[in-house]
Amino acid sequence: MYNKPIVYFTGVPYFWMWNPTNEVASLEVVLGHPHLGDCPDVRTSTVKQKFDDGSFETRNTIYKPATKEMLDEYNAKIERNRKEFEEWYEEWYEEWYENNKPTFSQTGLARKEK
């Protein structure tokens, strides 16, 4: 038997029947998934067992509710990524626009010569 990875999730899991015999869960965000990393909107594999503390086990993974500290760290990371992207995009757009500015004649505003 192998040790299953522990993955943390945010929100309240929504358990539902994938087919008549297999229950799965939909999760708002998972943190530290071995294949998905930090990822929104995840559907798990078949749920094998639910625990009183809100955690549950699937065929491949043990899912536990994220702590406040984990959520704070995740939100800070999202904010850092947003700021970095905005800075990168602004620089990229300025460079792109400088190299792709339409000329006056391309705008369709130039007078047609007779």
N, C-alpha and C. Protein backbone atom coordinates (compact mmCIF):
# COMPACT_ATOMS: atom_id res chain seq x y z
N MET A 1 0.85 -1.19 0.00
CA MET A 1 0.00 0.00 0.00
C MET A 1 0.88 1.24 0.00
N TYR A 2 0.50 2.26 -0.75
CA TYR A 2 1.29 3.48 -0.83
C TYR A 2 0.59 4.58 -0.04
N ASN A 3 1.36 5.60 0.31
CA ASN A 3 0.80 6.76 0.99
C ASN A 3 0.17 7.68 -0.05
N LYS A 4 -1.08 8.01 0.15
CA LYS A 4 -1.76 8.91 -0.78
C LYS A 4 -1.35 10.34 -0.48
N PRO A 5 -1.22 11.17 -1.51
CA PRO A 5 -0.90 12.58 -1.26
C PRO A 5 -2.06 13.28 -0.56
N ILE A 6 -1.72 14.26 0.25
CA ILE A 6 -2.72 15.09 0.92
C ILE A 6 -2.83 16.40 0.17
N VAL A 7 -4.04 16.74 -0.22
CA VAL A 7 -4.33 17.96 -0.96
C VAL A 7 -5.34 18.76 -0.15
N TYR A 8 -5.17 20.06 -0.13
CA TYR A 8 -6.08 20.92 0.63
C TYR A 8 -7.04 21.61 -0.33
N PHE A 9 -8.24 21.89 0.15
CA PHE A 9 -9.25 22.52 -0.70
C PHE A 9 -9.90 23.69 0.03
N THR A 10 -10.47 24.60 -0.76
CA THR A 10 -11.20 25.74 -0.20
C THR A 10 -12.69 25.51 -0.41
N GLY A 11 -13.49 26.21 0.37
CA GLY A 11 -14.94 26.13 0.21
C GLY A 11 -15.50 24.83 0.76
N VAL A 12 -16.71 24.54 0.31
CA VAL A 12 -17.43 23.34 0.74
C VAL A 12 -17.50 22.38 -0.43
N PRO A 13 -17.05 21.13 -0.25
CA PRO A 13 -17.12 20.19 -1.36
C PRO A 13 -18.57 19.88 -1.74
N TYR A 14 -18.81 19.75 -3.02
CA TYR A 14 -20.12 19.36 -3.52
C TYR A 14 -20.00 17.92 -3.99
N PHE A 15 -20.64 17.01 -3.25
CA PHE A 15 -20.59 15.59 -3.59
C PHE A 15 -21.76 15.26 -4.50
N TRP A 16 -21.48 14.48 -5.56
CA TRP A 16 -22.52 14.11 -6.51
C TRP A 16 -22.18 12.79 -7.19
N MET A 17 -23.19 12.18 -7.77
CA MET A 17 -23.02 10.87 -8.39
C MET A 17 -22.56 11.03 -9.84
N TRP A 18 -21.35 10.54 -10.11
CA TRP A 18 -20.79 10.57 -11.46
C TRP A 18 -21.56 9.58 -12.35
N ASN A 19 -21.88 8.46 -11.76
CA ASN A 19 -22.73 7.45 -12.40
C ASN A 19 -23.47 6.73 -11.27
N PRO A 20 -24.26 5.73 -11.55
CA PRO A 20 -25.06 5.14 -10.47
C PRO A 20 -24.27 4.55 -9.29
N THR A 21 -22.98 4.29 -9.48
CA THR A 21 -22.23 3.65 -8.39
C THR A 21 -21.04 4.46 -7.88
N ASN A 22 -20.70 5.57 -8.51
CA ASN A 22 -19.50 6.32 -8.12
C ASN A 22 -19.81 7.76 -7.75
N GLU A 23 -19.56 8.10 -6.48
CA GLU A 23 -19.71 9.47 -6.02
C GLU A 23 -18.37 10.19 -6.18
N VAL A 24 -18.41 11.43 -6.65
CA VAL A 24 -17.23 12.27 -6.79
C VAL A 24 -17.50 13.58 -6.06
N ALA A 25 -16.50 14.44 -6.00
CA ALA A 25 -16.68 15.75 -5.39
C ALA A 25 -16.19 16.83 -6.35
N SER A 26 -16.89 17.95 -6.34
CA SER A 26 -16.43 19.14 -7.05
C SER A 26 -15.92 20.11 -6.00
N LEU A 27 -14.74 20.69 -6.28
CA LEU A 27 -14.08 21.56 -5.32
C LEU A 27 -13.81 22.92 -5.95
N GLU A 28 -13.98 23.95 -5.15
CA GLU A 28 -13.76 25.34 -5.59
C GLU A 28 -12.31 25.54 -6.04
N VAL A 29 -11.37 25.25 -5.15
CA VAL A 29 -9.94 25.37 -5.43
C VAL A 29 -9.21 24.28 -4.65
N VAL A 30 -8.23 23.64 -5.29
CA VAL A 30 -7.34 22.74 -4.56
C VAL A 30 -5.96 23.39 -4.46
N LEU A 31 -5.28 23.12 -3.37
CA LEU A 31 -3.95 23.68 -3.12
C LEU A 31 -2.94 22.55 -3.00
N GLY A 32 -1.90 22.61 -3.81
CA GLY A 32 -0.82 21.64 -3.71
C GLY A 32 -1.13 20.27 -4.28
N HIS A 33 -2.00 20.21 -5.28
CA HIS A 33 -2.28 18.92 -5.92
C HIS A 33 -1.03 18.45 -6.67
N PRO A 34 -0.68 17.15 -6.59
CA PRO A 34 0.57 16.69 -7.23
C PRO A 34 0.61 16.86 -8.74
N HIS A 35 -0.54 16.89 -9.40
CA HIS A 35 -0.56 17.06 -10.86
C HIS A 35 -1.12 18.41 -11.29
N LEU A 36 -2.00 18.99 -10.49
CA LEU A 36 -2.66 20.24 -10.87
C LEU A 36 -2.09 21.47 -10.19
N GLY A 37 -1.32 21.28 -9.12
CA GLY A 37 -0.82 22.41 -8.35
C GLY A 37 -1.97 23.10 -7.64
N ASP A 38 -1.95 24.43 -7.62
CA ASP A 38 -3.07 25.22 -7.10
C ASP A 38 -4.02 25.44 -8.26
N CYS A 39 -5.22 24.90 -8.16
CA CYS A 39 -6.08 24.87 -9.34
C CYS A 39 -7.54 25.06 -8.95
N PRO A 40 -8.25 25.93 -9.68
CA PRO A 40 -9.69 26.10 -9.42
C PRO A 40 -10.53 25.04 -10.14
N ASP A 41 -11.74 24.86 -9.64
CA ASP A 41 -12.77 24.06 -10.32
C ASP A 41 -12.30 22.64 -10.62
N VAL A 42 -12.16 21.84 -9.58
CA VAL A 42 -11.63 20.48 -9.71
C VAL A 42 -12.72 19.45 -9.40
N ARG A 43 -12.77 18.41 -10.21
CA ARG A 43 -13.61 17.26 -9.92
C ARG A 43 -12.68 16.12 -9.52
N THR A 44 -13.00 15.48 -8.42
CA THR A 44 -12.14 14.42 -7.91
C THR A 44 -12.45 13.08 -8.58
N SER A 45 -11.62 12.10 -8.26
CA SER A 45 -11.95 10.73 -8.61
C SER A 45 -12.99 10.22 -7.60
N THR A 46 -13.33 8.96 -7.67
CA THR A 46 -14.37 8.37 -6.82
C THR A 46 -14.05 8.56 -5.34
N VAL A 47 -15.05 9.05 -4.60
CA VAL A 47 -14.90 9.23 -3.15
C VAL A 47 -15.07 7.88 -2.48
N LYS A 48 -14.07 7.51 -1.67
CA LYS A 48 -14.10 6.23 -0.95
C LYS A 48 -14.63 6.38 0.46
N GLN A 49 -14.30 7.52 1.12
CA GLN A 49 -14.70 7.69 2.51
C GLN A 49 -14.74 9.17 2.86
N LYS A 50 -15.75 9.55 3.68
CA LYS A 50 -15.86 10.92 4.19
C LYS A 50 -15.60 10.88 5.70
N PHE A 51 -14.95 11.93 6.20
CA PHE A 51 -14.60 11.99 7.61
C PHE A 51 -15.34 13.14 8.29
N ASP A 52 -15.48 13.03 9.60
CA ASP A 52 -16.23 14.02 10.38
C ASP A 52 -15.61 15.42 10.35
N ASP A 53 -14.31 15.52 10.12
CA ASP A 53 -13.64 16.84 10.13
C ASP A 53 -13.77 17.58 8.80
N GLY A 54 -14.54 17.01 7.86
CA GLY A 54 -14.73 17.66 6.56
C GLY A 54 -13.79 17.14 5.49
N SER A 55 -12.81 16.35 5.87
CA SER A 55 -11.89 15.78 4.89
C SER A 55 -12.52 14.53 4.28
N PHE A 56 -11.94 14.05 3.19
CA PHE A 56 -12.44 12.84 2.55
C PHE A 56 -11.32 12.19 1.75
N GLU A 57 -11.52 10.94 1.43
CA GLU A 57 -10.53 10.16 0.69
C GLU A 57 -11.12 9.72 -0.63
N THR A 58 -10.32 9.86 -1.69
CA THR A 58 -10.72 9.35 -3.01
C THR A 58 -9.83 8.16 -3.34
N ARG A 59 -9.97 7.65 -4.54
CA ARG A 59 -9.12 6.53 -4.95
C ARG A 59 -7.64 6.88 -4.89
N ASN A 60 -7.31 8.16 -5.17
CA ASN A 60 -5.91 8.53 -5.32
C ASN A 60 -5.38 9.49 -4.27
N THR A 61 -6.27 10.18 -3.54
CA THR A 61 -5.84 11.35 -2.76
C THR A 61 -6.65 11.46 -1.48
N ILE A 62 -6.06 12.11 -0.49
CA ILE A 62 -6.79 12.52 0.71
C ILE A 62 -6.95 14.04 0.63
N TYR A 63 -8.18 14.51 0.74
CA TYR A 63 -8.48 15.94 0.66
C TYR A 63 -8.85 16.45 2.04
N LYS A 64 -8.24 17.58 2.42
CA LYS A 64 -8.51 18.20 3.71
C LYS A 64 -8.84 19.67 3.51
N PRO A 65 -9.73 20.22 4.38
CA PRO A 65 -10.02 21.65 4.28
C PRO A 65 -8.76 22.49 4.52
N ALA A 66 -8.58 23.53 3.73
CA ALA A 66 -7.42 24.41 3.88
C ALA A 66 -7.56 25.23 5.16
N THR A 67 -6.43 25.52 5.77
CA THR A 67 -6.42 26.36 6.97
C THR A 67 -6.47 27.84 6.56
N LYS A 68 -6.76 28.69 7.49
CA LYS A 68 -6.79 30.14 7.22
C LYS A 68 -5.43 30.61 6.72
N GLU A 69 -4.35 30.09 7.31
CA GLU A 69 -3.00 30.48 6.89
C GLU A 69 -2.76 30.10 5.42
N MET A 70 -3.22 28.92 5.03
CA MET A 70 -3.06 28.49 3.63
C MET A 70 -3.83 29.41 2.69
N LEU A 71 -5.06 29.75 3.09
CA LEU A 71 -5.87 30.64 2.25
C LEU A 71 -5.24 32.02 2.14
N ASP A 72 -4.71 32.54 3.25
CA ASP A 72 -4.04 33.84 3.20
C ASP A 72 -2.84 33.80 2.26
N GLU A 73 -2.06 32.73 2.34
CA GLU A 73 -0.89 32.59 1.46
C GLU A 73 -1.32 32.47 0.00
N TYR A 74 -2.35 31.69 -0.26
CA TYR A 74 -2.86 31.51 -1.62
C TYR A 74 -3.34 32.84 -2.19
N ASN A 75 -4.13 33.58 -1.41
CA ASN A 75 -4.64 34.87 -1.86
C ASN A 75 -3.51 35.86 -2.11
N ALA A 76 -2.49 35.86 -1.27
CA ALA A 76 -1.33 36.74 -1.48
C ALA A 76 -0.60 36.37 -2.77
N LYS A 77 -0.50 35.07 -3.04
CA LYS A 77 0.16 34.62 -4.28
C LYS A 77 -0.64 35.05 -5.50
N ILE A 78 -1.95 34.94 -5.44
CA ILE A 78 -2.80 35.37 -6.56
C ILE A 78 -2.61 36.87 -6.80
N GLU A 79 -2.57 37.65 -5.73
CA GLU A 79 -2.40 39.10 -5.86
C GLU A 79 -1.03 39.44 -6.46
N ARG A 80 0.03 38.74 -6.01
CA ARG A 80 1.37 38.96 -6.59
C ARG A 80 1.37 38.63 -8.08
N ASN A 81 0.77 37.52 -8.42
CA ASN A 81 0.72 37.11 -9.83
C ASN A 81 -0.05 38.12 -10.67
N ARG A 82 -1.16 38.64 -10.13
CA ARG A 82 -1.95 39.63 -10.85
C ARG A 82 -1.13 40.89 -11.12
N LYS A 83 -0.42 41.36 -10.09
CA LYS A 83 0.40 42.57 -10.25
C LYS A 83 1.53 42.34 -11.25
N GLU A 84 2.20 41.19 -11.15
CA GLU A 84 3.27 40.88 -12.09
C GLU A 84 2.74 40.82 -13.52
N PHE A 85 1.58 40.21 -13.70
CA PHE A 85 1.01 40.13 -15.04
C PHE A 85 0.65 41.51 -15.57
N GLU A 86 0.04 42.34 -14.74
CA GLU A 86 -0.32 43.69 -15.18
C GLU A 86 0.92 44.49 -15.60
N GLU A 87 2.00 44.37 -14.83
CA GLU A 87 3.23 45.08 -15.18
C GLU A 87 3.79 44.55 -16.50
N TRP A 88 3.82 43.22 -16.64
CA TRP A 88 4.33 42.62 -17.87
C TRP A 88 3.48 43.05 -19.06
N TYR A 89 2.16 43.02 -18.91
CA TYR A 89 1.27 43.36 -20.02
C TYR A 89 1.44 44.82 -20.43
N GLU A 90 1.56 45.69 -19.46
CA GLU A 90 1.73 47.12 -19.79
C GLU A 90 3.01 47.33 -20.60
N GLU A 91 4.11 46.70 -20.19
CA GLU A 91 5.37 46.82 -20.94
C GLU A 91 5.23 46.21 -22.33
N TRP A 92 4.63 45.03 -22.40
CA TRP A 92 4.45 44.37 -23.69
C TRP A 92 3.60 45.21 -24.62
N TYR A 93 2.49 45.76 -24.12
CA TYR A 93 1.59 46.53 -24.96
C TYR A 93 2.26 47.79 -25.47
N GLU A 94 3.00 48.47 -24.60
CA GLU A 94 3.70 49.69 -25.05
C GLU A 94 4.66 49.36 -26.17
N GLU A 95 5.42 48.28 -26.04
CA GLU A 95 6.37 47.88 -27.09
C GLU A 95 5.62 47.47 -28.36
N TRP A 96 4.58 46.69 -28.20
CA TRP A 96 3.80 46.26 -29.35
C TRP A 96 3.20 47.46 -30.07
N TYR A 97 2.61 48.36 -29.32
CA TYR A 97 1.95 49.52 -29.93
C TYR A 97 2.97 50.38 -30.67
N GLU A 98 4.13 50.56 -30.09
CA GLU A 98 5.18 51.37 -30.72
C GLU A 98 5.58 50.75 -32.06
N ASN A 99 5.60 49.44 -32.13
CA ASN A 99 6.00 48.75 -33.37
C ASN A 99 4.85 48.53 -34.34
N ASN A 100 3.62 48.77 -33.91
CA ASN A 100 2.45 48.48 -34.75
C ASN A 100 1.47 49.64 -34.84
N LYS A 101 1.94 50.83 -34.56
CA LYS A 101 1.06 52.00 -34.63
C LYS A 101 0.51 52.16 -36.03
N PRO A 102 -0.79 52.39 -36.14
CA PRO A 102 -1.32 52.63 -37.48
C PRO A 102 -0.86 54.01 -37.95
N THR A 103 -0.57 54.08 -39.23
CA THR A 103 -0.23 55.39 -39.79
C THR A 103 -1.52 56.13 -40.07
N PHE A 104 -1.40 57.41 -40.35
CA PHE A 104 -2.58 58.23 -40.61
C PHE A 104 -3.37 57.67 -41.79
N SER A 105 -2.66 57.23 -42.81
CA SER A 105 -3.37 56.71 -43.99
C SER A 105 -4.07 55.39 -43.68
N GLN A 106 -3.57 54.61 -42.73
CA GLN A 106 -4.22 53.33 -42.38
C GLN A 106 -5.48 53.53 -41.56
N THR A 107 -5.64 54.70 -40.96
CA THR A 107 -6.82 54.93 -40.15
C THR A 107 -8.05 55.19 -40.99
N GLY A 108 -7.87 55.47 -42.26
CA GLY A 108 -9.00 55.79 -43.11
C GLY A 108 -9.41 57.24 -43.01
N LEU A 109 -8.63 58.01 -42.28
CA LEU A 109 -8.96 59.43 -42.11
C LEU A 109 -8.23 60.32 -43.11
N ALA A 110 -7.27 59.76 -43.80
CA ALA A 110 -6.53 60.57 -44.77
C ALA A 110 -7.45 60.93 -45.94
N ARG A 111 -7.23 62.14 -46.46
CA ARG A 111 -8.05 62.58 -47.59
C ARG A 111 -7.64 61.82 -48.85
N LYS A 112 -8.64 61.49 -49.58
CA LYS A 112 -8.35 60.84 -50.85
C LYS A 112 -7.99 61.90 -51.86
N GLU A 113 -6.89 61.68 -52.54
CA GLU A 113 -6.48 62.64 -53.56
C GLU A 113 -7.25 62.41 -54.83
N LYS A 114 -7.58 63.53 -55.50
CA LYS A 114 -8.35 63.44 -56.75
C LYS A 114 -7.43 63.38 -57.93
